[in-house]
C-alpha atoms as a PDB file:
ATOM      1  CA  UNK A   1      15.477   5.157 -15.502  1.00  0.00           C
ATOM      2  CA  UNK A   2      14.100   3.678 -18.706  1.00  0.00           C
ATOM      3  CA  UNK A   3      10.359   3.373 -19.303  1.00  0.00           C
ATOM      4  CA  UNK A   4       9.020  -0.126 -18.510  1.00  0.00           C
ATOM      5  CA  UNK A   5       8.495  -2.321 -21.558  1.00  0.00           C
ATOM      6  CA  UNK A   6       4.963  -2.828 -22.954  1.00  0.00           C
ATOM      7  CA  UNK A   7       4.444  -6.150 -21.168  1.00  0.00           C
ATOM      8  CA  UNK A   8       5.341  -4.557 -17.838  1.00  0.00           C
ATOM      9  CA  UNK A   9       3.019  -1.631 -18.469  1.00  0.00           C
ATOM     10  CA  UNK A  10       0.160  -4.005 -19.196  1.00  0.00           C
ATOM     11  CA  UNK A  11       0.904  -5.781 -15.925  1.00  0.00           C
ATOM     12  CA  UNK A  12       0.850  -2.430 -14.144  1.00  0.00           C
ATOM     13  CA  UNK A  13      -2.650  -1.843 -15.486  1.00  0.00           C
ATOM     14  CA  UNK A  14      -3.739  -5.324 -14.384  1.00  0.00           C
ATOM     15  CA  UNK A  15      -2.517  -4.747 -10.861  1.00  0.00           C
ATOM     16  CA  UNK A  16      -4.122  -1.319 -10.628  1.00  0.00           C
ATOM     17  CA  UNK A  17      -7.408  -2.821 -11.766  1.00  0.00           C
ATOM     18  CA  UNK A  18      -7.037  -5.724  -9.309  1.00  0.00           C
ATOM     19  CA  UNK A  19      -6.706  -3.273  -6.440  1.00  0.00           C
ATOM     20  CA  UNK A  20      -9.752  -1.270  -7.592  1.00  0.00           C
ATOM     21  CA  UNK A  21     -11.990  -4.331  -8.028  1.00  0.00           C
ATOM     22  CA  UNK A  22     -10.699  -5.925  -4.829  1.00  0.00           C
ATOM     23  CA  UNK A  23     -11.462  -2.850  -2.734  1.00  0.00           C
ATOM     24  CA  UNK A  24     -14.857  -2.423  -4.395  1.00  0.00           C
ATOM     25  CA  UNK A  25     -15.616  -6.000  -3.342  1.00  0.00           C
ATOM     26  CA  UNK A  26     -14.416  -5.288   0.201  1.00  0.00           C
ATOM     27  CA  UNK A  27     -16.724  -2.270   0.353  1.00  0.00           C
ATOM     28  CA  UNK A  28     -19.680  -4.380  -0.768  1.00  0.00           C
ATOM     29  CA  UNK A  29     -18.914  -6.996   1.882  1.00  0.00           C
ATOM     30  CA  UNK A  30     -18.575  -4.319   4.560  1.00  0.00           C
ATOM     31  CA  UNK A  31     -21.851  -2.697   3.567  1.00  0.00           C
ATOM     32  CA  UNK A  32     -23.529  -6.091   3.926  1.00  0.00           C
ATOM     33  CA  UNK A  33     -22.163  -6.498   7.454  1.00  0.00           C
ATOM     34  CA  UNK A  34     -19.756  -9.250   6.461  1.00  0.00           C
ATOM     35  CA  UNK A  35     -16.600  -7.554   7.785  1.00  0.00           C
ATOM     36  CA  UNK A  36     -16.240  -6.579  11.454  1.00  0.00           C
ATOM     37  CA  UNK A  37     -14.536  -3.384  12.520  1.00  0.00           C
ATOM     38  CA  UNK A  38     -13.676  -0.899   9.802  1.00  0.00           C
ATOM     39  CA  UNK A  39     -11.971  -0.959   6.419  1.00  0.00           C
ATOM     40  CA  UNK A  40      -9.870   1.667   4.653  1.00  0.00           C
ATOM     41  CA  UNK A  41      -9.875   1.604   0.864  1.00  0.00           C
ATOM     42  CA  UNK A  42      -7.182   2.621  -1.642  1.00  0.00           C
ATOM     43  CA  UNK A  43      -9.627   3.576  -4.396  1.00  0.00           C
ATOM     44  CA  UNK A  44      -7.993   6.508  -6.187  1.00  0.00           C
ATOM     45  CA  UNK A  45      -4.456   5.676  -5.039  1.00  0.00           C
ATOM     46  CA  UNK A  46      -3.798   2.642  -7.239  1.00  0.00           C
ATOM     47  CA  UNK A  47      -1.209   4.306  -9.479  1.00  0.00           C
ATOM     48  CA  UNK A  48       1.225   5.218  -6.733  1.00  0.00           C
ATOM     49  CA  UNK A  49       0.827   1.814  -5.096  1.00  0.00           C
ATOM     50  CA  UNK A  50       1.529  -0.178  -8.249  1.00  0.00           C
ATOM     51  CA  UNK A  51       4.132   2.189  -9.653  1.00  0.00           C
ATOM     52  CA  UNK A  52       6.115   1.900  -6.420  1.00  0.00           C
ATOM     53  CA  UNK A  53       5.684  -1.830  -5.836  1.00  0.00           C
ATOM     54  CA  UNK A  54       6.675  -2.765  -9.368  1.00  0.00           C
ATOM     55  CA  UNK A  55       9.969  -0.919  -8.935  1.00  0.00           C
ATOM     56  CA  UNK A  56      10.952  -3.604  -6.406  1.00  0.00           C
ATOM     57  CA  UNK A  57      12.396  -7.076  -6.743  1.00  0.00           C
ATOM     58  CA  UNK A  58      10.419 -10.032  -5.446  1.00  0.00           C
ATOM     59  CA  UNK A  59      12.797 -10.435  -2.491  1.00  0.00           C
ATOM     60  CA  UNK A  60      12.666  -6.766  -1.489  1.00  0.00           C
ATOM     61  CA  UNK A  61      10.521  -6.030   1.549  1.00  0.00           C
ATOM     62  CA  UNK A  62       7.854  -3.435   2.214  1.00  0.00           C
ATOM     63  CA  UNK A  63       5.851  -2.068   5.110  1.00  0.00           C
ATOM     64  CA  UNK A  64       2.333  -0.704   4.818  1.00  0.00           C
ATOM     65  CA  UNK A  65      -0.191   1.169   6.932  1.00  0.00           C
ATOM     66  CA  UNK A  66      -3.868   0.962   7.849  1.00  0.00           C
ATOM     67  CA  UNK A  67      -4.832   1.496   4.168  1.00  0.00           C
ATOM     68  CA  UNK A  68      -2.938  -1.478   2.814  1.00  0.00           C
ATOM     69  CA  UNK A  69      -5.061  -3.997   0.953  1.00  0.00           C
ATOM     70  CA  UNK A  70      -3.517  -2.686  -2.235  1.00  0.00           C
ATOM     71  CA  UNK A  71       0.163  -2.897  -1.329  1.00  0.00           C
ATOM     72  CA  UNK A  72       0.504  -6.717  -1.403  1.00  0.00           C
ATOM     73  CA  UNK A  73      -1.617  -6.798  -4.567  1.00  0.00           C
ATOM     74  CA  UNK A  74       0.679  -4.214  -6.122  1.00  0.00           C
ATOM     75  CA  UNK A  75       3.607  -6.541  -5.472  1.00  0.00           C
ATOM     76  CA  UNK A  76       1.840  -9.542  -6.964  1.00  0.00           C
ATOM     77  CA  UNK A  77       0.075 -11.261  -4.047  1.00  0.00           C
ATOM     78  CA  UNK A  78      -2.710 -13.772  -4.657  1.00  0.00           C
ATOM     79  CA  UNK A  79      -6.167 -12.314  -4.063  1.00  0.00           C
ATOM     80  CA  UNK A  80      -7.880 -15.299  -2.430  1.00  0.00           C
ATOM     81  CA  UNK A  81      -5.822 -15.484   0.784  1.00  0.00           C
ATOM     82  CA  UNK A  82      -5.938 -11.686   1.141  1.00  0.00           C
ATOM     83  CA  UNK A  83      -9.719 -11.558   0.940  1.00  0.00           C
ATOM     84  CA  UNK A  84     -10.002 -14.592   3.223  1.00  0.00           C
ATOM     85  CA  UNK A  85      -7.880 -12.709   5.766  1.00  0.00           C
ATOM     86  CA  UNK A  86     -10.157  -9.684   5.651  1.00  0.00           C
ATOM     87  CA  UNK A  87     -13.140 -11.977   6.259  1.00  0.00           C
ATOM     88  CA  UNK A  88     -11.309 -13.586   9.202  1.00  0.00           C
ATOM     89  CA  UNK A  89     -11.042 -17.032   7.607  1.00  0.00           C
ATOM     90  CA  UNK A  90      -8.506 -19.757   8.415  1.00  0.00           C
ATOM     91  CA  UNK A  91      -7.120 -19.666   4.865  1.00  0.00           C
ATOM     92  CA  UNK A  92      -6.185 -16.012   5.164  1.00  0.00           C
ATOM     93  CA  UNK A  93      -2.566 -14.938   4.881  1.00  0.00           C
ATOM     94  CA  UNK A  94      -2.444 -14.677   8.682  1.00  0.00           C
ATOM     95  CA  UNK A  95      -4.985 -17.339   9.524  1.00  0.00           C
ATOM     96  CA  UNK A  96      -7.722 -14.745   9.930  1.00  0.00           C
ATOM     97  CA  UNK A  97      -6.001 -12.994  12.851  1.00  0.00           C
ATOM     98  CA  UNK A  98      -4.776  -9.898  11.043  1.00  0.00           C
ATOM     99  CA  UNK A  99      -7.888  -8.739   9.291  1.00  0.00           C
ATOM    100  CA  UNK A 100      -8.079  -5.588   7.221  1.00  0.00           C
ATOM    101  CA  UNK A 101      -5.555  -3.406   9.054  1.00  0.00           C
ATOM    102  CA  UNK A 102      -2.976  -5.906  10.322  1.00  0.00           C
ATOM    103  CA  UNK A 103      -2.355  -8.323   7.481  1.00  0.00           C
ATOM    104  CA  UNK A 104       1.070  -9.382   6.251  1.00  0.00           C
ATOM    105  CA  UNK A 105       2.014 -11.494   3.234  1.00  0.00           C
ATOM    106  CA  UNK A 106       5.583 -12.732   3.449  1.00  0.00           C
ATOM    107  CA  UNK A 107       5.236 -14.426   0.043  1.00  0.00           C
ATOM    108  CA  UNK A 108       5.696 -10.996  -1.552  1.00  0.00           C
ATOM    109  CA  UNK A 109       7.851  -9.443   1.154  1.00  0.00           C
ATOM    110  CA  UNK A 110       4.987  -7.612   2.888  1.00  0.00           C
ATOM    111  CA  UNK A 111       6.156  -7.420   6.499  1.00  0.00           C
ATOM    112  CA  UNK A 112       2.840  -6.154   7.772  1.00  0.00           C
ATOM    113  CA  UNK A 113       0.520  -3.225   8.277  1.00  0.00           C
ATOM    114  CA  UNK A 114      -0.719  -1.535  11.405  1.00  0.00           C
ATOM    115  CA  UNK A 115      -3.591   0.649  12.543  1.00  0.00           C
ATOM    116  CA  UNK A 116      -1.141   2.664  14.665  1.00  0.00           C
ATOM    117  CA  UNK A 117      -0.368   5.688  12.501  1.00  0.00           C
ATOM    118  CA  UNK A 118       3.318   5.919  11.611  1.00  0.00           C
ATOM    119  CA  UNK A 119       4.326   2.716  13.380  1.00  0.00           C
ATOM    120  CA  UNK A 120       5.555   1.096  10.176  1.00  0.00           C
ATOM    121  CA  UNK A 121       8.325   3.660   9.731  1.00  0.00           C
ATOM    122  CA  UNK A 122      10.715   2.265  12.380  1.00  0.00           C
ATOM    123  CA  UNK A 123       9.848  -1.290  11.305  1.00  0.00           C
ATOM    124  CA  UNK A 124      11.045  -0.450   7.795  1.00  0.00           C
ATOM    125  CA  UNK A 125      14.303   0.964   9.171  1.00  0.00           C
ATOM    126  CA  UNK A 126      14.828  -2.248  11.119  1.00  0.00           C
ATOM    127  CA  UNK A 127      14.186  -4.379   8.039  1.00  0.00           C
ATOM    128  CA  UNK A 128      16.613  -2.295   6.001  1.00  0.00           C
ATOM    129  CA  UNK A 129      19.238  -2.431   8.755  1.00  0.00           C
ATOM    130  CA  UNK A 130      18.846  -6.197   8.885  1.00  0.00           C
ATOM    131  CA  UNK A 131      19.424  -6.477   5.141  1.00  0.00           C
ATOM    132  CA  UNK A 132      22.547  -4.320   5.432  1.00  0.00           C
ATOM    133  CA  UNK A 133      23.933  -6.348   8.335  1.00  0.00           C
ATOM    134  CA  UNK A 134      23.333  -9.563   6.386  1.00  0.00           C
ATOM    135  CA  UNK A 135      25.307  -8.241   3.448  1.00  0.00           C
ATOM    136  CA  UNK A 136      22.209  -8.402   1.247  1.00  0.00           C
ATOM    137  CA  UNK A 137      21.274  -5.803  -1.354  1.00  0.00           C
ATOM    138  CA  UNK A 138      17.590  -6.032  -0.461  1.00  0.00           C
ATOM    139  CA  UNK A 139      15.730  -2.746  -0.126  1.00  0.00           C
ATOM    140  CA  UNK A 140      12.723  -1.948   2.071  1.00  0.00           C
ATOM    141  CA  UNK A 141       9.930   0.277   0.745  1.00  0.00           C
ATOM    142  CA  UNK A 142       7.962   2.051   3.472  1.00  0.00           C
ATOM    143  CA  UNK A 143       4.460   3.363   2.723  1.00  0.00           C
ATOM    144  CA  UNK A 144       3.019   5.965   5.075  1.00  0.00           C
ATOM    145  CA  UNK A 145       0.470   8.762   4.869  1.00  0.00           C
ATOM    146  CA  UNK A 146       0.653  12.524   5.270  1.00  0.00           C
ATOM    147  CA  UNK A 147      -0.792  12.187   8.765  1.00  0.00           C
ATOM    148  CA  UNK A 148       2.087   9.926   9.787  1.00  0.00           C
ATOM    149  CA  UNK A 149       4.598  12.570   8.715  1.00  0.00           C
ATOM    150  CA  UNK A 150       3.607  14.545  11.820  1.00  0.00           C
ATOM    151  CA  UNK A 151       4.170  11.637  14.187  1.00  0.00           C
ATOM    152  CA  UNK A 152       7.328  11.187  16.243  1.00  0.00           C
ATOM    153  CA  UNK A 153       7.961   7.912  14.440  1.00  0.00           C
ATOM    154  CA  UNK A 154       8.650   9.888  11.268  1.00  0.00           C
ATOM    155  CA  UNK A 155      11.524  11.879  12.775  1.00  0.00           C
ATOM    156  CA  UNK A 156      12.981   8.904  14.606  1.00  0.00           C
ATOM    157  CA  UNK A 157      12.877   6.652  11.558  1.00  0.00           C
ATOM    158  CA  UNK A 158      14.301   9.123   9.050  1.00  0.00           C
ATOM    159  CA  UNK A 159      16.955  10.270  11.478  1.00  0.00           C
ATOM    160  CA  UNK A 160      18.217   6.754  12.218  1.00  0.00           C
ATOM    161  CA  UNK A 161      17.932   5.635   8.591  1.00  0.00           C
ATOM    162  CA  UNK A 162      20.089   8.592   7.586  1.00  0.00           C
ATOM    163  CA  UNK A 163      22.583   8.096  10.408  1.00  0.00           C
ATOM    164  CA  UNK A 164      22.975   4.412   9.605  1.00  0.00           C
ATOM    165  CA  UNK A 165      22.659   4.829   5.818  1.00  0.00           C
ATOM    166  CA  UNK A 166      20.299   1.890   5.502  1.00  0.00           C
ATOM    167  CA  UNK A 167      18.609   0.843   2.226  1.00  0.00           C
ATOM    168  CA  UNK A 168      15.065   2.125   2.765  1.00  0.00           C
ATOM    169  CA  UNK A 169      12.813   4.199   0.519  1.00  0.00           C
ATOM    170  CA  UNK A 170      10.196   6.210   2.413  1.00  0.00           C
ATOM    171  CA  UNK A 171       7.104   6.789   0.283  1.00  0.00           C
ATOM    172  CA  UNK A 172       4.574   9.286   1.615  1.00  0.00           C
ATOM    173  CA  UNK A 173       1.129   8.670   0.137  1.00  0.00           C
ATOM    174  CA  UNK A 174      -0.096  12.232   0.546  1.00  0.00           C
ATOM    175  CA  UNK A 175      -3.820  11.978  -0.166  1.00  0.00           C
ATOM    176  CA  UNK A 176      -4.448  15.398   1.334  1.00  0.00           C
ATOM    177  CA  UNK A 177      -6.279  14.391   4.505  1.00  0.00           C
ATOM    178  CA  UNK A 178      -5.654  12.803   7.857  1.00  0.00           C
ATOM    179  CA  UNK A 179      -9.161  11.442   8.480  1.00  0.00           C
ATOM    180  CA  UNK A 180     -11.073  14.738   7.922  1.00  0.00           C
ATOM    181  CA  UNK A 181      -8.268  17.234   8.510  1.00  0.00           C
ATOM    182  CA  UNK A 182      -6.595  18.787   5.473  1.00  0.00           C
ATOM    183  CA  UNK A 183      -2.810  18.507   5.558  1.00  0.00           C
ATOM    184  CA  UNK A 184      -2.429  22.264   5.102  1.00  0.00           C
ATOM    185  CA  UNK A 185      -4.221  22.896   8.380  1.00  0.00           C
ATOM    186  CA  UNK A 186      -1.644  21.068  10.488  1.00  0.00           C
ATOM    187  CA  UNK A 187       1.587  21.761   8.636  1.00  0.00           C
ATOM    188  CA  UNK A 188       3.199  25.063   7.680  1.00  0.00           C
ATOM    189  CA  UNK A 189       5.409  23.106   5.277  1.00  0.00           C
ATOM    190  CA  UNK A 190       3.209  22.266   2.262  1.00  0.00           C
ATOM    191  CA  UNK A 191       5.367  19.403   0.997  1.00  0.00           C
ATOM    192  CA  UNK A 192       6.443  16.433   3.094  1.00  0.00           C
ATOM    193  CA  UNK A 193       9.352  15.870   0.694  1.00  0.00           C
ATOM    194  CA  UNK A 194      10.905  19.175   1.817  1.00  0.00           C
ATOM    195  CA  UNK A 195      11.576  17.626   5.204  1.00  0.00           C
ATOM    196  CA  UNK A 196      14.199  15.317   3.661  1.00  0.00           C
ATOM    197  CA  UNK A 197      16.729  18.156   3.840  1.00  0.00           C
ATOM    198  CA  UNK A 198      16.669  18.006   7.633  1.00  0.00           C
ATOM    199  CA  UNK A 199      18.044  14.471   7.475  1.00  0.00           C
ATOM    200  CA  UNK A 200      20.530  14.987   4.659  1.00  0.00           C
ATOM    201  CA  UNK A 201      18.725  12.632   2.293  1.00  0.00           C
ATOM    202  CA  UNK A 202      17.182  13.126  -1.169  1.00  0.00           C
ATOM    203  CA  UNK A 203      13.546  14.191  -1.298  1.00  0.00           C
ATOM    204  CA  UNK A 204      11.245  14.614  -4.272  1.00  0.00           C
ATOM    205  CA  UNK A 205       7.592  15.074  -5.187  1.00  0.00           C
ATOM    206  CA  UNK A 206       5.892  12.942  -7.807  1.00  0.00           C
ATOM    207  CA  UNK A 207       2.420  12.862  -9.364  1.00  0.00           C
ATOM    208  CA  UNK A 208       0.742   9.997  -7.543  1.00  0.00           C
ATOM    209  CA  UNK A 209      -1.888   9.565 -10.260  1.00  0.00           C
ATOM    210  CA  UNK A 210       0.808   8.748 -12.833  1.00  0.00           C
ATOM    211  CA  UNK A 211       1.990   5.165 -12.353  1.00  0.00           C
ATOM    212  CA  UNK A 212       4.964   5.592 -14.675  1.00  0.00           C
ATOM    213  CA  UNK A 213       6.162   8.739 -12.920  1.00  0.00           C
ATOM    214  CA  UNK A 214       5.992   6.995  -9.544  1.00  0.00           C
ATOM    215  CA  UNK A 215       7.719   3.931 -10.962  1.00  0.00           C
ATOM    216  CA  UNK A 216      10.581   6.032 -12.333  1.00  0.00           C
ATOM    217  CA  UNK A 217      11.095   7.906  -9.067  1.00  0.00           C
ATOM    218  CA  UNK A 218      10.955   4.799  -6.868  1.00  0.00           C
ATOM    219  CA  UNK A 219      13.127   2.745  -9.236  1.00  0.00           C
ATOM    220  CA  UNK A 220      15.830   5.395  -9.067  1.00  0.00           C
ATOM    221  CA  UNK A 221      15.612   5.590  -5.272  1.00  0.00           C
ATOM    222  CA  UNK A 222      15.641   1.786  -4.952  1.00  0.00           C
ATOM    223  CA  UNK A 223      18.714   1.501  -7.163  1.00  0.00           C
ATOM    224  CA  UNK A 224      20.470   4.154  -5.119  1.00  0.00           C
ATOM    225  CA  UNK A 225      19.658   2.321  -1.892  1.00  0.00           C
ATOM    226  CA  UNK A 226      20.792  -0.963  -3.416  1.00  0.00           C
ATOM    227  CA  UNK A 227      24.095   0.630  -4.421  1.00  0.00           C
ATOM    228  CA  UNK A 228      24.762   1.895  -0.897  1.00  0.00           C
ATOM    229  CA  UNK A 229      23.559   5.489  -1.206  1.00  0.00           C
ATOM    230  CA  UNK A 230      21.231   5.147   1.787  1.00  0.00           C
ATOM    231  CA  UNK A 231      17.631   6.263   2.304  1.00  0.00           C
ATOM    232  CA  UNK A 232      15.450   8.688   0.385  1.00  0.00           C
ATOM    233  CA  UNK A 233      12.021  10.279   0.719  1.00  0.00           C
ATOM    234  CA  UNK A 234       9.427  10.412  -2.059  1.00  0.00           C
ATOM    235  CA  UNK A 235       6.093  12.181  -1.717  1.00  0.00           C
ATOM    236  CA  UNK A 236       3.357  10.968  -4.049  1.00  0.00           C
ATOM    237  CA  UNK A 237       0.556  13.536  -4.373  1.00  0.00           C
ATOM    238  CA  UNK A 238      -2.580  11.426  -4.621  1.00  0.00           C
ATOM    239  CA  UNK A 239      -6.191  11.288  -3.426  1.00  0.00           C
ATOM    240  CA  UNK A 240      -8.550   8.788  -1.849  1.00  0.00           C
ATOM    241  CA  UNK A 241     -12.010   8.908  -3.361  1.00  0.00           C
ATOM    242  CA  UNK A 242     -13.858   7.271  -0.446  1.00  0.00           C
ATOM    243  CA  UNK A 243     -13.861   8.671   3.071  1.00  0.00           C
ATOM    244  CA  UNK A 244     -11.148   7.817   5.588  1.00  0.00           C
ATOM    245  CA  UNK A 245     -12.924   4.557   6.355  1.00  0.00           C
ATOM    246  CA  UNK A 246     -16.207   2.927   5.466  1.00  0.00           C
ATOM    247  CA  UNK A 247     -19.380   3.430   7.469  1.00  0.00           C
ATOM    248  CA  UNK A 248     -21.807   6.283   8.177  1.00  0.00           C
ATOM    249  CA  UNK A 249     -19.497   8.314  10.420  1.00  0.00           C
ATOM    250  CA  UNK A 250     -18.220  10.681   7.708  1.00  0.00           C
ATOM    251  CA  UNK A 251     -21.290  10.875   5.491  1.00  0.00           C
ATOM    252  CA  UNK A 252     -22.591  14.105   7.017  1.00  0.00           C
ATOM    253  CA  UNK A 253     -19.246  15.814   7.594  1.00  0.00           C
ATOM    254  CA  UNK A 254     -18.512  18.433   4.924  1.00  0.00           C
ATOM    255  CA  UNK A 255     -14.725  18.382   5.119  1.00  0.00           C
ATOM    256  CA  UNK A 256     -14.020  18.239   1.352  1.00  0.00           C
ATOM    257  CA  UNK A 257     -14.918  20.797  -1.284  1.00  0.00           C
ATOM    258  CA  UNK A 258     -17.052  19.034  -3.942  1.00  0.00           C
ATOM    259  CA  UNK A 259     -15.080  20.878  -6.631  1.00  0.00           C
ATOM    260  CA  UNK A 260     -11.840  19.488  -5.238  1.00  0.00           C
ATOM    261  CA  UNK A 261     -13.188  15.946  -5.287  1.00  0.00           C
ATOM    262  CA  UNK A 262     -14.484  16.414  -8.844  1.00  0.00           C
ATOM    263  CA  UNK A 263     -11.070  17.649 -10.002  1.00  0.00           C
ATOM    264  CA  UNK A 264      -9.357  14.594  -8.581  1.00  0.00           C
ATOM    265  CA  UNK A 265     -12.012  12.251  -9.982  1.00  0.00           C
ATOM    266  CA  UNK A 266     -11.186  13.679 -13.393  1.00  0.00           C
ATOM    267  CA  UNK A 267      -7.669  12.364 -12.813  1.00  0.00           C
ATOM    268  CA  UNK A 268      -8.721   8.822 -11.918  1.00  0.00           C
ATOM    269  CA  UNK A 269      -5.509   6.805 -12.414  1.00  0.00           C
ATOM    270  CA  UNK A 270      -7.196   3.856 -14.126  1.00  0.00           C
ATOM    271  CA  UNK A 271      -8.720   5.651 -17.141  1.00  0.00           C
ATOM    272  CA  UNK A 272      -5.595   7.837 -17.299  1.00  0.00           C
ATOM    273  CA  UNK A 273      -3.389   4.781 -17.653  1.00  0.00           C
ATOM    274  CA  UNK A 274      -5.813   3.055 -20.014  1.00  0.00           C
ATOM    275  CA  UNK A 275      -5.669   6.101 -22.298  1.00  0.00           C
ATOM    276  CA  UNK A 276      -1.886   6.054 -22.142  1.00  0.00           C
ATOM    277  CA  UNK A 277      -1.841   2.396 -23.199  1.00  0.00           C
ATOM    278  CA  UNK A 278      -4.104   3.165 -26.137  1.00  0.00           C
ATOM    279  CA  UNK A 279      -2.294   6.351 -27.165  1.00  0.00           C
ATOM    280  CA  UNK A 280       1.062   4.576 -27.217  1.00  0.00           C
ATOM    281  CA  UNK A 281      -0.281   1.586 -29.134  1.00  0.00           C
ATOM    282  CA  UNK A 282       0.474  -0.810 -26.283  1.00  0.00           C
ATOM    283  CA  UNK A 283      -3.167  -1.910 -26.055  1.00  0.00           C
ATOM    284  CA  UNK A 284      -6.381  -1.405 -27.954  1.00  0.00           C
ATOM    285  CA  UNK A 285      -9.923  -1.318 -26.628  1.00  0.00           C
ATOM    286  CA  UNK A 286     -10.383  -5.056 -27.127  1.00  0.00           C
ATOM    287  CA  UNK A 287      -7.227  -5.824 -25.120  1.00  0.00           C
ATOM    288  CA  UNK A 288      -8.272  -3.568 -22.258  1.00  0.00           C
ATOM    289  CA  UNK A 289     -11.753  -5.107 -22.222  1.00  0.00           C
ATOM    290  CA  UNK A 290     -10.206  -8.569 -22.093  1.00  0.00           C
ATOM    291  CA  UNK A 291      -8.030  -7.531 -19.135  1.00  0.00           C
ATOM    292  CA  UNK A 292     -11.046  -6.109 -17.304  1.00  0.00           C
ATOM    293  CA  UNK A 293     -12.998  -9.317 -17.836  1.00  0.00           C
ATOM    294  CA  UNK A 294     -10.075 -11.426 -16.609  1.00  0.00           C
ATOM    295  CA  UNK A 295      -9.694  -9.325 -13.470  1.00  0.00           C
ATOM    296  CA  UNK A 296     -13.419  -9.586 -12.754  1.00  0.00           C
ATOM    297  CA  UNK A 297     -13.083 -13.364 -13.006  1.00  0.00           C
ATOM    298  CA  UNK A 298     -10.057 -13.323 -10.659  1.00  0.00           C
ATOM    299  CA  UNK A 299     -11.849 -11.283  -8.014  1.00  0.00           C
ATOM    300  CA  UNK A 300     -14.972 -13.442  -8.277  1.00  0.00           C
ATOM    301  CA  UNK A 301     -12.860 -16.561  -7.755  1.00  0.00           C
ATOM    302  CA  UNK A 302     -11.115 -14.931  -4.779  1.00  0.00           C
ATOM    303  CA  UNK A 303     -14.479 -14.112  -3.214  1.00  0.00           C
ATOM    304  CA  UNK A 304     -15.702 -17.680  -3.702  1.00  0.00           C
ATOM    305  CA  UNK A 305     -12.496 -19.003  -2.144  1.00  0.00           C
ATOM    306  CA  UNK A 306     -12.835 -16.694   0.845  1.00  0.00           C
ATOM    307  CA  UNK A 307     -16.521 -17.360   1.405  1.00  0.00           C
ATOM    308  CA  UNK A 308     -16.103 -21.133   1.164  1.00  0.00           C
ATOM    309  CA  UNK A 309     -13.088 -21.180   3.492  1.00  0.00           C
ATOM    310  CA  UNK A 310     -13.552 -22.418   7.067  1.00  0.00           C
ATOM    311  CA  UNK A 311     -13.460 -20.252  10.154  1.00  0.00           C
ATOM    312  CA  UNK A 312     -10.382 -20.677  12.349  1.00  0.00           C
ATOM    313  CA  UNK A 313     -10.458 -23.354  15.033  1.00  0.00           C
ATOM    314  CA  UNK A 314     -10.898 -21.648  18.439  1.00  0.00           C
ATOM    315  CA  UNK A 315      -7.923 -23.714  19.623  1.00  0.00           C
ATOM    316  CA  UNK A 316      -5.755 -21.561  17.333  1.00  0.00           C
ATOM    317  CA  UNK A 317      -6.559 -18.352  19.213  1.00  0.00           C
ATOM    318  CA  UNK A 318      -3.293 -18.242  21.178  1.00  0.00           C
ATOM    319  CA  UNK A 319      -1.027 -19.834  18.580  1.00  0.00           C
ATOM    320  CA  UNK A 320       1.722 -17.536  17.359  1.00  0.00           C
ATOM    321  CA  UNK A 321       1.208 -14.878  20.022  1.00  0.00           C
ATOM    322  CA  UNK A 322       4.266 -15.601  22.108  1.00  0.00           C
ATOM    323  CA  UNK A 323       7.819 -16.701  21.397  1.00  0.00           C
ATOM    324  CA  UNK A 324       7.931 -18.515  24.749  1.00  0.00           C
ATOM    325  CA  UNK A 325       4.798 -20.578  25.499  1.00  0.00           C
ATOM    326  CA  UNK A 326       2.785 -19.823  28.614  1.00  0.00           C
ATOM    327  CA  UNK A 327       1.870 -22.738  30.813  1.00  0.00           C
ATOM    328  CA  UNK A 328      -1.648 -23.970  30.226  1.00  0.00           C
ATOM    329  CA  UNK A 329      -1.828 -23.039  26.526  1.00  0.00           C
ATOM    330  CA  UNK A 330      -0.830 -25.095  23.517  1.00  0.00           C
ATOM    331  CA  UNK A 331       1.277 -22.788  21.351  1.00  0.00           C
ATOM    332  CA  UNK A 332       3.024 -25.439  19.274  1.00  0.00           C
END
């Protein structure tokens, strides 16, 4: 696959920066007690998110996981409705009912995320099967983590996707840990991509901190799926800089070697990509500064939109829950 043109690479940087600033804002709101429950941030994983999402067409679909604020942003979603959703506001992409871990944004083909580890894998197979049955060349991109690769959903989804030869690309965001457990402690196979052989589908490993490398791998897999070659499995080796989720629970648990964290921080995907843009002459310091200022303005506007948005009407609580209304409730 050819390298994206300069304009596309600049847009990749914008989207990576949007995800970083968005999640930093979410963390601030959580720390101030503005967000109920828990939140899971993608800080450190922006390159694999954007590289993958920008290999898709607008009408392609995707399925996320519990760490999925960044996925819709990577595919071009507006920030305001996403942040409003996380705050539980009526103007959110799901009317405030989805929140941080269960949001969906159909405007960019995001079919939804779930807190149930691995549950998005069969959903992605269903979406891809639907596209095939409709005679469409749409592809579904399925994000899941290394922890999900040890769930039964993983086997069931890859097995059926292979048997039916449906157009789905499985992307494992291997950030090294399932909550506080290192992947190597619960798998004798060091690479999730190696498991592709069991299903007779292509599998490859890619540097998840390199947006262009991820883009190239996913673009090739997407084109193959679009052309009828069936599913594939890509493992992006990446790292989350925060803990599994926000809050004090993990602050006193020494599950990561400080040297390991420092090594991954040295490979922060944002400065890596910024240096690439400068080294290739695509952008100079002034251009990058201008982009950073514009993104700050975007996120500030999104926060204002979310904070000024109304809370949902209590009468909406049961709307959209059931296909067939239940007597006594107004579901219209």
